[in-house]
Amino acid sequence: MLILGQRWLCGDKTADIAEMLGRSAGSVRAKRKQLGLPPRIRLSKIQAETILAEKRSAIPADPAVVLTWEQASLLPPEARRGRTWLVRNSLSRLTLTGHKGGDKVRWHEAANIEIAYRHFAFQNPREIARDFLISESALKSQSCWEQLPPRRGAKMPWFIHARAEYYIGEHHYIRRECLCKSGCFFWTTRKGGDRVSRRYRRSIAATHGIAA
């Protein structure tokens, strides 16, 4: 119920919370009353737009200021270009920075590793993307870049770091540097796993016109 309380107070929609927890909207509303959480105030569309505009106007305009996730989430993707924000629910207070010329972000090693840990913790991809403020397609692309293996099992809405560590240890996964391409890291098994990344093999195949 901690998750329900957190998401309710963050302003998430009842339907989104219900989907996240695998419950009906009615059961979420009933549990909200049971927990003593404040009811939602119904606003007109004009009132909601006015409040959103006021919140956005309070966001620091200086691009050097690191935005909280809450601040950055209020901005449309084009307004996050060149801005840096905190990733939600990151123990290491991870930050991402948007490219000035587009809606993509500047990926770095710490972000790549956290994406992998959230994958191994069985966090729902939709929630990972939401925590990072990226699209699900961008998340999928980055997961392929890291060669993250398929996950079999129920996905959770939240990130539990200890679960990722347990899963990595249990399945003997390791993040290894490609033998043929310096600086190219990917996930594989410790014993019997690949030593050369798929990226490198595909680049060679494309260059020479052979199968990867």
N, C-alpha and C. Protein backbone atom coordinates (compact mmCIF):
# COMPACT_ATOMS: atom_id res chain seq x y z
N MET A 1 0.81 -1.21 0.00
CA MET A 1 0.00 0.00 0.00
C MET A 1 0.85 1.27 0.00
N LEU A 2 2.16 1.09 0.28
CA LEU A 2 3.07 2.23 0.25
C LEU A 2 3.11 2.83 -1.15
N ILE A 3 3.14 1.96 -2.16
CA ILE A 3 3.18 2.43 -3.54
C ILE A 3 1.91 3.20 -3.88
N LEU A 4 0.77 2.69 -3.45
CA LEU A 4 -0.50 3.37 -3.72
C LEU A 4 -0.47 4.78 -3.14
N GLY A 5 -0.01 4.87 -1.88
CA GLY A 5 0.05 6.18 -1.22
C GLY A 5 0.98 7.14 -1.93
N GLN A 6 2.16 6.64 -2.32
CA GLN A 6 3.14 7.49 -3.00
C GLN A 6 2.59 7.99 -4.33
N ARG A 7 2.03 7.10 -5.11
CA ARG A 7 1.53 7.48 -6.42
C ARG A 7 0.30 8.38 -6.32
N TRP A 8 -0.53 8.14 -5.30
CA TRP A 8 -1.71 9.00 -5.12
C TRP A 8 -1.28 10.43 -4.79
N LEU A 9 -0.32 10.55 -3.87
CA LEU A 9 0.14 11.88 -3.47
C LEU A 9 0.94 12.57 -4.57
N CYS A 10 1.50 11.77 -5.49
CA CYS A 10 2.22 12.36 -6.63
C CYS A 10 1.26 12.85 -7.72
N GLY A 11 -0.02 12.52 -7.55
CA GLY A 11 -1.01 12.98 -8.52
C GLY A 11 -1.29 12.05 -9.67
N ASP A 12 -0.80 10.79 -9.58
CA ASP A 12 -1.08 9.84 -10.66
C ASP A 12 -2.58 9.59 -10.77
N LYS A 13 -3.04 9.31 -11.97
CA LYS A 13 -4.46 9.04 -12.20
C LYS A 13 -4.86 7.73 -11.53
N THR A 14 -6.11 7.67 -11.07
CA THR A 14 -6.61 6.46 -10.41
C THR A 14 -6.48 5.26 -11.33
N ALA A 15 -6.82 5.43 -12.61
CA ALA A 15 -6.75 4.33 -13.57
C ALA A 15 -5.32 3.83 -13.74
N ASP A 16 -4.34 4.75 -13.73
CA ASP A 16 -2.94 4.36 -13.87
C ASP A 16 -2.46 3.58 -12.64
N ILE A 17 -2.87 4.04 -11.45
CA ILE A 17 -2.50 3.34 -10.22
C ILE A 17 -3.11 1.95 -10.21
N ALA A 18 -4.38 1.85 -10.61
CA ALA A 18 -5.07 0.56 -10.64
C ALA A 18 -4.37 -0.41 -11.57
N GLU A 19 -3.98 0.07 -12.76
CA GLU A 19 -3.28 -0.79 -13.72
C GLU A 19 -1.93 -1.24 -13.18
N MET A 20 -1.24 -0.32 -12.52
CA MET A 20 0.07 -0.60 -11.96
C MET A 20 0.01 -1.70 -10.90
N LEU A 21 -1.03 -1.65 -10.06
CA LEU A 21 -1.16 -2.59 -8.94
C LEU A 21 -2.00 -3.82 -9.29
N GLY A 22 -2.55 -3.85 -10.49
CA GLY A 22 -3.38 -4.98 -10.87
C GLY A 22 -4.71 -5.00 -10.13
N ARG A 23 -5.23 -3.83 -9.83
CA ARG A 23 -6.50 -3.70 -9.10
C ARG A 23 -7.50 -2.93 -9.96
N SER A 24 -8.75 -2.90 -9.50
CA SER A 24 -9.75 -2.08 -10.17
C SER A 24 -9.67 -0.66 -9.65
N ALA A 25 -10.19 0.29 -10.42
CA ALA A 25 -10.20 1.69 -9.98
C ALA A 25 -11.01 1.84 -8.71
N GLY A 26 -12.10 1.07 -8.60
CA GLY A 26 -12.94 1.13 -7.40
C GLY A 26 -12.21 0.69 -6.15
N SER A 27 -11.39 -0.37 -6.26
CA SER A 27 -10.64 -0.85 -5.10
C SER A 27 -9.57 0.14 -4.69
N VAL A 28 -8.99 0.85 -5.67
CA VAL A 28 -7.99 1.88 -5.36
C VAL A 28 -8.64 3.02 -4.59
N ARG A 29 -9.83 3.44 -5.04
CA ARG A 29 -10.53 4.53 -4.35
C ARG A 29 -10.94 4.11 -2.93
N ALA A 30 -11.36 2.84 -2.78
CA ALA A 30 -11.74 2.34 -1.46
C ALA A 30 -10.54 2.30 -0.52
N LYS A 31 -9.41 1.85 -1.05
CA LYS A 31 -8.19 1.78 -0.23
C LYS A 31 -7.70 3.18 0.11
N ARG A 32 -7.90 4.13 -0.81
CA ARG A 32 -7.53 5.52 -0.53
C ARG A 32 -8.27 6.04 0.68
N LYS A 33 -9.57 5.76 0.75
CA LYS A 33 -10.37 6.18 1.90
C LYS A 33 -9.90 5.49 3.18
N GLN A 34 -9.60 4.19 3.06
CA GLN A 34 -9.16 3.41 4.22
C GLN A 34 -7.84 3.95 4.78
N LEU A 35 -6.96 4.38 3.89
CA LEU A 35 -5.66 4.90 4.31
C LEU A 35 -5.72 6.36 4.75
N GLY A 36 -6.86 6.99 4.54
CA GLY A 36 -7.01 8.39 4.95
C GLY A 36 -6.32 9.37 4.04
N LEU A 37 -6.10 8.96 2.78
CA LEU A 37 -5.46 9.87 1.83
C LEU A 37 -6.48 10.91 1.37
N PRO A 38 -6.02 12.12 1.07
CA PRO A 38 -6.95 13.19 0.68
C PRO A 38 -7.64 12.88 -0.64
N PRO A 39 -8.90 13.24 -0.78
CA PRO A 39 -9.61 13.02 -2.04
C PRO A 39 -9.08 13.94 -3.13
N ARG A 40 -9.31 13.55 -4.36
CA ARG A 40 -8.91 14.38 -5.50
C ARG A 40 -9.93 15.49 -5.69
N ILE A 41 -9.43 16.67 -5.95
CA ILE A 41 -10.31 17.80 -6.23
C ILE A 41 -10.56 17.84 -7.74
N ARG A 42 -11.82 17.78 -8.10
CA ARG A 42 -12.17 17.79 -9.52
C ARG A 42 -12.02 19.21 -10.08
N LEU A 43 -11.23 19.32 -11.12
CA LEU A 43 -10.97 20.62 -11.74
C LEU A 43 -11.52 20.64 -13.16
N SER A 44 -11.92 21.81 -13.59
CA SER A 44 -12.31 21.96 -14.98
C SER A 44 -11.04 21.93 -15.84
N LYS A 45 -11.20 21.75 -17.13
CA LYS A 45 -10.05 21.71 -18.03
C LYS A 45 -9.29 23.03 -17.98
N ILE A 46 -10.01 24.13 -17.91
CA ILE A 46 -9.37 25.45 -17.86
C ILE A 46 -8.59 25.62 -16.57
N GLN A 47 -9.18 25.18 -15.44
CA GLN A 47 -8.49 25.27 -14.15
C GLN A 47 -7.21 24.43 -14.17
N ALA A 48 -7.31 23.21 -14.70
CA ALA A 48 -6.15 22.32 -14.75
C ALA A 48 -5.04 22.92 -15.60
N GLU A 49 -5.40 23.50 -16.74
CA GLU A 49 -4.40 24.12 -17.62
C GLU A 49 -3.76 25.34 -16.96
N THR A 50 -4.54 26.08 -16.20
CA THR A 50 -4.01 27.26 -15.50
C THR A 50 -3.01 26.85 -14.44
N ILE A 51 -3.35 25.81 -13.67
CA ILE A 51 -2.46 25.32 -12.62
C ILE A 51 -1.17 24.79 -13.24
N LEU A 52 -1.29 24.04 -14.34
CA LEU A 52 -0.11 23.50 -15.00
C LEU A 52 0.79 24.62 -15.50
N ALA A 53 0.20 25.65 -16.07
CA ALA A 53 0.98 26.80 -16.56
C ALA A 53 1.71 27.49 -15.42
N GLU A 54 1.06 27.61 -14.28
CA GLU A 54 1.68 28.24 -13.11
C GLU A 54 2.86 27.41 -12.60
N LYS A 55 2.68 26.09 -12.58
CA LYS A 55 3.76 25.21 -12.13
C LYS A 55 4.95 25.29 -13.08
N ARG A 56 4.67 25.33 -14.38
CA ARG A 56 5.76 25.41 -15.36
C ARG A 56 6.49 26.73 -15.26
N SER A 57 5.76 27.80 -14.99
CA SER A 57 6.40 29.12 -14.90
C SER A 57 7.31 29.22 -13.68
N ALA A 58 7.08 28.35 -12.68
CA ALA A 58 7.91 28.37 -11.47
C ALA A 58 9.19 27.55 -11.63
N ILE A 59 9.31 26.83 -12.74
CA ILE A 59 10.50 26.02 -12.98
C ILE A 59 11.66 26.93 -13.36
N PRO A 60 12.84 26.78 -12.73
CA PRO A 60 13.99 27.63 -13.05
C PRO A 60 14.33 27.59 -14.55
N ALA A 61 14.52 28.75 -15.14
CA ALA A 61 14.82 28.83 -16.58
C ALA A 61 16.29 28.59 -16.87
N ASP A 62 17.15 28.74 -15.86
CA ASP A 62 18.59 28.57 -16.04
C ASP A 62 18.89 27.11 -16.40
N PRO A 63 19.45 26.83 -17.59
CA PRO A 63 19.73 25.45 -17.98
C PRO A 63 20.78 24.77 -17.11
N ALA A 64 21.52 25.54 -16.33
CA ALA A 64 22.53 24.95 -15.44
C ALA A 64 21.89 24.32 -14.21
N VAL A 65 20.65 24.66 -13.93
CA VAL A 65 19.95 24.12 -12.76
C VAL A 65 19.46 22.71 -13.06
N VAL A 66 19.80 21.77 -12.18
CA VAL A 66 19.31 20.40 -12.32
C VAL A 66 17.88 20.33 -11.81
N LEU A 67 16.97 19.90 -12.66
CA LEU A 67 15.56 19.84 -12.30
C LEU A 67 15.24 18.57 -11.53
N THR A 68 14.28 18.67 -10.64
CA THR A 68 13.77 17.46 -10.00
C THR A 68 12.95 16.69 -11.04
N TRP A 69 12.68 15.42 -10.76
CA TRP A 69 11.86 14.66 -11.70
C TRP A 69 10.49 15.31 -11.84
N GLU A 70 9.94 15.77 -10.72
CA GLU A 70 8.61 16.38 -10.75
C GLU A 70 8.59 17.62 -11.65
N GLN A 71 9.64 18.44 -11.57
CA GLN A 71 9.71 19.63 -12.42
C GLN A 71 9.84 19.24 -13.89
N ALA A 72 10.77 18.34 -14.17
CA ALA A 72 11.01 17.94 -15.56
C ALA A 72 9.80 17.26 -16.18
N SER A 73 9.05 16.51 -15.36
CA SER A 73 7.89 15.79 -15.88
C SER A 73 6.77 16.73 -16.32
N LEU A 74 6.80 17.96 -15.83
CA LEU A 74 5.79 18.95 -16.22
C LEU A 74 6.07 19.55 -17.59
N LEU A 75 7.30 19.39 -18.05
CA LEU A 75 7.71 20.00 -19.32
C LEU A 75 7.49 19.04 -20.48
N PRO A 76 7.07 19.54 -21.63
CA PRO A 76 6.99 18.69 -22.82
C PRO A 76 8.41 18.35 -23.27
N PRO A 77 8.60 17.27 -24.04
CA PRO A 77 9.94 16.85 -24.46
C PRO A 77 10.78 17.96 -25.07
N GLU A 78 10.17 18.82 -25.89
CA GLU A 78 10.96 19.88 -26.54
C GLU A 78 11.48 20.90 -25.53
N ALA A 79 10.78 21.07 -24.40
CA ALA A 79 11.23 22.02 -23.38
C ALA A 79 12.32 21.43 -22.50
N ARG A 80 12.53 20.11 -22.59
CA ARG A 80 13.59 19.47 -21.81
C ARG A 80 14.91 19.41 -22.59
N ARG A 81 14.91 19.90 -23.82
CA ARG A 81 16.15 19.90 -24.61
C ARG A 81 17.20 20.77 -23.94
N GLY A 82 18.38 20.20 -23.72
CA GLY A 82 19.46 20.94 -23.08
C GLY A 82 19.34 21.02 -21.57
N ARG A 83 18.27 20.45 -21.00
CA ARG A 83 18.08 20.48 -19.55
C ARG A 83 18.52 19.17 -18.93
N THR A 84 18.90 19.24 -17.66
CA THR A 84 19.31 18.06 -16.89
C THR A 84 18.29 17.83 -15.78
N TRP A 85 17.93 16.57 -15.58
CA TRP A 85 16.95 16.27 -14.53
C TRP A 85 17.33 14.98 -13.78
N LEU A 86 16.79 14.86 -12.59
CA LEU A 86 17.01 13.67 -11.77
C LEU A 86 16.08 12.55 -12.22
N VAL A 87 16.61 11.33 -12.26
CA VAL A 87 15.80 10.16 -12.56
C VAL A 87 15.01 9.79 -11.31
N ARG A 88 13.76 9.48 -11.47
CA ARG A 88 12.91 9.18 -10.32
C ARG A 88 13.30 7.84 -9.68
N ASN A 89 13.28 7.81 -8.36
CA ASN A 89 13.53 6.59 -7.57
C ASN A 89 14.92 6.01 -7.81
N SER A 90 15.90 6.86 -8.06
CA SER A 90 17.27 6.41 -8.26
C SER A 90 18.06 6.58 -6.96
N LEU A 91 18.59 5.48 -6.44
CA LEU A 91 19.35 5.54 -5.19
C LEU A 91 20.62 6.37 -5.34
N SER A 92 21.19 6.39 -6.55
CA SER A 92 22.43 7.11 -6.80
C SER A 92 22.19 8.55 -7.26
N ARG A 93 20.92 8.99 -7.23
CA ARG A 93 20.56 10.33 -7.70
C ARG A 93 21.08 10.56 -9.12
N LEU A 94 20.81 9.59 -9.95
CA LEU A 94 21.21 9.63 -11.35
C LEU A 94 20.55 10.79 -12.09
N THR A 95 21.29 11.41 -13.00
CA THR A 95 20.72 12.48 -13.82
C THR A 95 20.83 12.14 -15.31
N LEU A 96 19.94 12.72 -16.10
CA LEU A 96 19.98 12.62 -17.55
C LEU A 96 19.92 14.02 -18.13
N THR A 97 20.52 14.20 -19.29
CA THR A 97 20.50 15.50 -19.96
C THR A 97 19.96 15.32 -21.37
N GLY A 98 19.03 16.17 -21.76
CA GLY A 98 18.46 16.10 -23.10
C GLY A 98 19.37 16.78 -24.11
N HIS A 99 19.41 16.24 -25.32
CA HIS A 99 20.16 16.88 -26.40
C HIS A 99 19.51 18.23 -26.74
N LYS A 100 20.33 19.21 -27.04
CA LYS A 100 19.80 20.53 -27.38
C LYS A 100 19.05 20.52 -28.71
N GLY A 101 19.48 19.64 -29.62
CA GLY A 101 18.90 19.67 -30.95
C GLY A 101 17.81 18.64 -31.21
N GLY A 102 17.36 17.94 -30.18
CA GLY A 102 16.33 16.92 -30.40
C GLY A 102 15.79 16.39 -29.09
N ASP A 103 14.93 15.37 -29.20
CA ASP A 103 14.27 14.83 -28.02
C ASP A 103 15.01 13.65 -27.40
N LYS A 104 16.19 13.32 -27.92
CA LYS A 104 16.96 12.22 -27.35
C LYS A 104 17.74 12.71 -26.13
N VAL A 105 18.27 11.76 -25.36
CA VAL A 105 19.06 12.11 -24.18
C VAL A 105 20.51 11.68 -24.38
N ARG A 106 21.39 12.25 -23.58
CA ARG A 106 22.81 11.89 -23.63
C ARG A 106 23.03 10.71 -22.69
N TRP A 107 23.24 9.56 -23.26
CA TRP A 107 23.45 8.37 -22.43
C TRP A 107 24.87 8.33 -21.89
N HIS A 108 25.03 7.81 -20.69
CA HIS A 108 26.35 7.66 -20.07
C HIS A 108 26.37 6.33 -19.32
N GLU A 109 27.53 5.92 -18.87
CA GLU A 109 27.70 4.60 -18.28
C GLU A 109 26.79 4.36 -17.08
N ALA A 110 26.68 5.34 -16.19
CA ALA A 110 25.85 5.16 -15.00
C ALA A 110 24.39 4.94 -15.39
N ALA A 111 23.93 5.65 -16.41
CA ALA A 111 22.54 5.48 -16.87
C ALA A 111 22.35 4.11 -17.52
N ASN A 112 23.33 3.68 -18.31
CA ASN A 112 23.26 2.36 -18.95
C ASN A 112 23.18 1.25 -17.90
N ILE A 113 23.99 1.38 -16.86
CA ILE A 113 24.01 0.36 -15.81
C ILE A 113 22.69 0.35 -15.03
N GLU A 114 22.16 1.53 -14.75
CA GLU A 114 20.90 1.57 -14.00
C GLU A 114 19.74 1.02 -14.83
N ILE A 115 19.75 1.28 -16.14
CA ILE A 115 18.74 0.67 -17.01
C ILE A 115 18.79 -0.85 -16.87
N ALA A 116 20.01 -1.39 -16.88
CA ALA A 116 20.18 -2.84 -16.77
C ALA A 116 19.69 -3.35 -15.41
N TYR A 117 20.03 -2.66 -14.34
CA TYR A 117 19.61 -3.10 -13.01
C TYR A 117 18.09 -3.07 -12.88
N ARG A 118 17.46 -2.07 -13.44
CA ARG A 118 15.99 -2.02 -13.39
C ARG A 118 15.39 -3.15 -14.23
N HIS A 119 16.06 -3.49 -15.31
CA HIS A 119 15.63 -4.63 -16.14
C HIS A 119 15.72 -5.92 -15.32
N PHE A 120 16.85 -6.12 -14.64
CA PHE A 120 17.04 -7.33 -13.86
C PHE A 120 16.19 -7.36 -12.59
N ALA A 121 15.71 -6.20 -12.17
CA ALA A 121 14.81 -6.13 -11.01
C ALA A 121 13.36 -6.36 -11.44
N PHE A 122 13.16 -6.60 -12.73
CA PHE A 122 11.83 -6.87 -13.29
C PHE A 122 10.89 -5.68 -13.15
N GLN A 123 11.44 -4.47 -13.24
CA GLN A 123 10.57 -3.31 -13.25
C GLN A 123 9.88 -3.23 -14.61
N ASN A 124 8.62 -2.85 -14.60
CA ASN A 124 7.85 -2.72 -15.83
C ASN A 124 8.51 -1.71 -16.77
N PRO A 125 8.72 -2.06 -18.05
CA PRO A 125 9.37 -1.13 -18.99
C PRO A 125 8.69 0.23 -19.06
N ARG A 126 7.37 0.22 -18.96
CA ARG A 126 6.64 1.49 -19.01
C ARG A 126 7.04 2.39 -17.84
N GLU A 127 7.23 1.78 -16.67
CA GLU A 127 7.61 2.55 -15.48
C GLU A 127 9.07 2.99 -15.54
N ILE A 128 9.93 2.15 -16.12
CA ILE A 128 11.34 2.55 -16.29
C ILE A 128 11.40 3.79 -17.18
N ALA A 129 10.70 3.73 -18.30
CA ALA A 129 10.68 4.87 -19.23
C ALA A 129 10.13 6.11 -18.54
N ARG A 130 9.12 5.93 -17.73
CA ARG A 130 8.51 7.06 -17.03
C ARG A 130 9.48 7.64 -16.00
N ASP A 131 10.19 6.76 -15.29
CA ASP A 131 11.16 7.24 -14.29
C ASP A 131 12.31 8.01 -14.93
N PHE A 132 12.68 7.61 -16.16
CA PHE A 132 13.78 8.27 -16.87
C PHE A 132 13.30 9.44 -17.72
N LEU A 133 11.99 9.54 -17.92
CA LEU A 133 11.39 10.54 -18.81
C LEU A 133 11.89 10.38 -20.24
N ILE A 134 11.84 9.13 -20.70
CA ILE A 134 12.18 8.81 -22.08
C ILE A 134 11.03 7.99 -22.67
N SER A 135 11.05 7.78 -23.96
CA SER A 135 10.02 6.96 -24.59
C SER A 135 10.34 5.48 -24.40
N GLU A 136 9.31 4.64 -24.51
CA GLU A 136 9.54 3.20 -24.39
C GLU A 136 10.39 2.69 -25.55
N SER A 137 10.29 3.31 -26.72
CA SER A 137 11.12 2.90 -27.85
C SER A 137 12.59 3.22 -27.59
N ALA A 138 12.85 4.35 -26.93
CA ALA A 138 14.24 4.70 -26.58
C ALA A 138 14.79 3.71 -25.56
N LEU A 139 13.94 3.30 -24.62
CA LEU A 139 14.35 2.31 -23.62
C LEU A 139 14.66 0.98 -24.29
N LYS A 140 13.81 0.57 -25.22
CA LYS A 140 14.03 -0.69 -25.93
C LYS A 140 15.33 -0.65 -26.71
N SER A 141 15.60 0.47 -27.36
CA SER A 141 16.83 0.62 -28.14
C SER A 141 18.05 0.52 -27.24
N GLN A 142 17.99 1.18 -26.08
CA GLN A 142 19.13 1.15 -25.17
C GLN A 142 19.32 -0.23 -24.56
N SER A 143 18.22 -0.94 -24.31
CA SER A 143 18.30 -2.30 -23.77
C SER A 143 18.95 -3.24 -24.77
N CYS A 144 18.63 -3.06 -26.06
CA CYS A 144 19.27 -3.86 -27.11
C CYS A 144 20.76 -3.53 -27.20
N TRP A 145 21.08 -2.25 -27.03
CA TRP A 145 22.47 -1.80 -27.07
C TRP A 145 23.29 -2.49 -25.98
N GLU A 146 22.66 -2.69 -24.82
CA GLU A 146 23.34 -3.34 -23.69
C GLU A 146 23.23 -4.87 -23.74
N GLN A 147 22.50 -5.39 -24.74
CA GLN A 147 22.27 -6.83 -24.89
C GLN A 147 21.63 -7.44 -23.64
N LEU A 148 20.61 -6.77 -23.13
CA LEU A 148 19.93 -7.29 -21.95
C LEU A 148 19.10 -8.51 -22.33
N PRO A 149 19.22 -9.60 -21.59
CA PRO A 149 18.51 -10.84 -21.93
C PRO A 149 17.02 -10.73 -21.64
N PRO A 150 16.20 -11.58 -22.26
CA PRO A 150 14.75 -11.57 -21.98
C PRO A 150 14.49 -11.89 -20.51
N ARG A 151 13.41 -11.33 -19.98
CA ARG A 151 13.01 -11.59 -18.59
C ARG A 151 11.73 -12.41 -18.60
N ARG A 152 11.70 -13.47 -17.83
CA ARG A 152 10.51 -14.30 -17.73
C ARG A 152 9.96 -14.18 -16.31
N GLY A 153 8.79 -13.60 -16.21
CA GLY A 153 8.19 -13.41 -14.89
C GLY A 153 7.37 -12.13 -14.84
N ALA A 154 6.63 -11.97 -13.78
CA ALA A 154 5.78 -10.79 -13.62
C ALA A 154 6.62 -9.54 -13.44
N LYS A 155 6.21 -8.46 -14.07
CA LYS A 155 6.91 -7.17 -13.97
C LYS A 155 6.28 -6.32 -12.87
N MET A 156 7.12 -5.57 -12.18
CA MET A 156 6.66 -4.74 -11.07
C MET A 156 6.72 -3.27 -11.45
N PRO A 157 5.89 -2.44 -10.82
CA PRO A 157 5.90 -1.01 -11.14
C PRO A 157 7.05 -0.26 -10.50
N TRP A 158 7.68 -0.85 -9.50
CA TRP A 158 8.73 -0.13 -8.77
C TRP A 158 10.08 -0.82 -8.93
N PHE A 159 11.15 -0.12 -8.57
CA PHE A 159 12.52 -0.61 -8.70
C PHE A 159 13.07 -1.00 -7.34
N ILE A 160 13.43 -2.28 -7.21
CA ILE A 160 14.05 -2.78 -5.98
C ILE A 160 15.47 -3.21 -6.33
N HIS A 161 16.44 -2.42 -5.92
CA HIS A 161 17.84 -2.65 -6.29
C HIS A 161 18.33 -4.02 -5.84
N ALA A 162 17.96 -4.43 -4.63
CA ALA A 162 18.42 -5.71 -4.09
C ALA A 162 17.94 -6.88 -4.94
N ARG A 163 16.76 -6.75 -5.53
CA ARG A 163 16.25 -7.83 -6.37
C ARG A 163 17.11 -7.97 -7.62
N ALA A 164 17.56 -6.85 -8.17
CA ALA A 164 18.44 -6.89 -9.34
C ALA A 164 19.75 -7.58 -9.01
N GLU A 165 20.34 -7.22 -7.87
CA GLU A 165 21.61 -7.83 -7.47
C GLU A 165 21.46 -9.33 -7.29
N TYR A 166 20.35 -9.75 -6.68
CA TYR A 166 20.11 -11.18 -6.47
C TYR A 166 19.97 -11.90 -7.80
N TYR A 167 19.21 -11.32 -8.71
CA TYR A 167 18.97 -11.96 -10.01
C TYR A 167 20.26 -12.06 -10.82
N ILE A 168 21.06 -11.00 -10.80
CA ILE A 168 22.33 -11.01 -11.53
C ILE A 168 23.25 -12.09 -10.97
N GLY A 169 23.33 -12.18 -9.63
CA GLY A 169 24.18 -13.19 -9.01
C GLY A 169 23.68 -14.60 -9.26
N GLU A 170 22.37 -14.78 -9.17
CA GLU A 170 21.77 -16.10 -9.34
C GLU A 170 22.00 -16.65 -10.75
N HIS A 171 21.95 -15.77 -11.75
CA HIS A 171 22.10 -16.20 -13.14
C HIS A 171 23.51 -15.95 -13.69
N HIS A 172 24.41 -15.49 -12.84
CA HIS A 172 25.82 -15.31 -13.20
C HIS A 172 26.01 -14.36 -14.38
N TYR A 173 25.26 -13.27 -14.37
CA TYR A 173 25.42 -12.26 -15.42
C TYR A 173 26.58 -11.33 -15.07
N ILE A 174 27.19 -10.80 -16.12
CA ILE A 174 28.30 -9.86 -15.95
C ILE A 174 28.27 -8.86 -17.11
N ARG A 175 28.68 -7.66 -16.82
CA ARG A 175 28.80 -6.64 -17.88
C ARG A 175 30.25 -6.65 -18.36
N ARG A 176 30.43 -7.06 -19.60
CA ARG A 176 31.78 -7.33 -20.11
C ARG A 176 32.12 -6.37 -21.25
N GLU A 177 33.41 -6.05 -21.36
CA GLU A 177 33.87 -5.22 -22.48
C GLU A 177 34.17 -6.10 -23.68
N CYS A 178 33.71 -5.68 -24.84
CA CYS A 178 33.93 -6.43 -26.07
C CYS A 178 35.43 -6.58 -26.36
N LEU A 179 35.85 -7.80 -26.72
CA LEU A 179 37.26 -8.04 -27.00
C LEU A 179 37.73 -7.32 -28.26
N CYS A 180 36.80 -7.04 -29.17
CA CYS A 180 37.18 -6.47 -30.46
C CYS A 180 36.90 -4.98 -30.59
N LYS A 181 36.19 -4.41 -29.62
CA LYS A 181 35.86 -2.99 -29.71
C LYS A 181 35.99 -2.36 -28.34
N SER A 182 37.02 -1.59 -28.14
CA SER A 182 37.26 -0.94 -26.85
C SER A 182 36.13 0.01 -26.48
N GLY A 183 35.72 -0.04 -25.22
CA GLY A 183 34.68 0.86 -24.74
C GLY A 183 33.27 0.39 -25.01
N CYS A 184 33.13 -0.76 -25.64
CA CYS A 184 31.80 -1.32 -25.94
C CYS A 184 31.49 -2.40 -24.90
N PHE A 185 30.54 -2.11 -24.01
CA PHE A 185 30.18 -3.05 -22.94
C PHE A 185 28.81 -3.67 -23.22
N PHE A 186 28.65 -4.90 -22.76
CA PHE A 186 27.37 -5.59 -22.93
C PHE A 186 27.22 -6.64 -21.83
N TRP A 187 25.98 -7.10 -21.62
CA TRP A 187 25.70 -8.09 -20.58
C TRP A 187 25.68 -9.49 -21.18
N THR A 188 26.31 -10.41 -20.45
CA THR A 188 26.35 -11.81 -20.86
C THR A 188 26.55 -12.66 -19.61
N THR A 189 26.62 -13.97 -19.76
CA THR A 189 26.87 -14.83 -18.60
C THR A 189 28.37 -14.93 -18.35
N ARG A 190 28.71 -15.13 -17.07
CA ARG A 190 30.12 -15.15 -16.69
C ARG A 190 30.85 -16.32 -17.35
N LYS A 191 30.21 -17.50 -17.36
CA LYS A 191 30.82 -18.68 -17.95
C LYS A 191 30.11 -19.03 -19.26
N GLY A 192 30.89 -19.18 -20.30
CA GLY A 192 30.33 -19.57 -21.58
C GLY A 192 29.62 -18.46 -22.33
N GLY A 193 29.67 -17.24 -21.81
CA GLY A 193 29.00 -16.13 -22.47
C GLY A 193 29.83 -15.54 -23.60
N ASP A 194 29.21 -14.68 -24.37
CA ASP A 194 29.89 -14.03 -25.49
C ASP A 194 31.07 -13.18 -25.02
N ARG A 195 32.08 -13.12 -25.85
CA ARG A 195 33.23 -12.25 -25.60
C ARG A 195 33.23 -11.07 -26.58
N VAL A 196 32.48 -11.23 -27.65
CA VAL A 196 32.39 -10.19 -28.69
C VAL A 196 30.94 -9.73 -28.76
N SER A 197 30.73 -8.43 -28.76
CA SER A 197 29.37 -7.89 -28.74
C SER A 197 28.65 -8.10 -30.07
N ARG A 198 27.32 -8.16 -30.00
CA ARG A 198 26.52 -8.27 -31.22
C ARG A 198 26.71 -7.03 -32.10
N ARG A 199 26.89 -5.89 -31.46
CA ARG A 199 27.10 -4.65 -32.22
C ARG A 199 28.30 -4.77 -33.14
N TYR A 200 29.40 -5.30 -32.59
CA TYR A 200 30.62 -5.42 -33.38
C TYR A 200 30.42 -6.43 -34.51
N ARG A 201 29.80 -7.58 -34.18
CA ARG A 201 29.59 -8.60 -35.20
C ARG A 201 28.71 -8.07 -36.34
N ARG A 202 27.68 -7.31 -35.97
CA ARG A 202 26.78 -6.76 -36.99
C ARG A 202 27.48 -5.71 -37.85
N SER A 203 28.36 -4.91 -37.21
CA SER A 203 29.08 -3.90 -37.99
C SER A 203 30.02 -4.55 -38.99
N ILE A 204 30.66 -5.65 -38.58
CA ILE A 204 31.55 -6.39 -39.48
C ILE A 204 30.74 -7.03 -40.60
N ALA A 205 29.59 -7.60 -40.22
CA ALA A 205 28.73 -8.24 -41.22
C ALA A 205 28.24 -7.24 -42.25
N ALA A 206 27.87 -6.04 -41.78
CA ALA A 206 27.39 -5.01 -42.70
C ALA A 206 28.50 -4.53 -43.63
N THR A 207 29.72 -4.45 -43.08
CA THR A 207 30.86 -3.98 -43.88
C THR A 207 31.22 -4.97 -44.98
N HIS A 208 31.16 -6.27 -44.63
CA HIS A 208 31.61 -7.30 -45.58
C HIS A 208 30.46 -8.03 -46.26
N GLY A 209 29.23 -7.66 -45.91
CA GLY A 209 28.08 -8.27 -46.57
C GLY A 209 27.89 -9.73 -46.24
N ILE A 210 28.15 -10.10 -44.97
CA ILE A 210 27.98 -11.49 -44.54
C ILE A 210 26.99 -11.54 -43.39
N ALA A 211 26.56 -12.74 -43.05
CA ALA A 211 25.61 -12.91 -41.95
C ALA A 211 26.31 -12.70 -40.62
N ALA A 212 25.62 -12.03 -39.66
CA ALA A 212 26.23 -11.77 -38.36
C ALA A 212 26.29 -13.04 -37.53
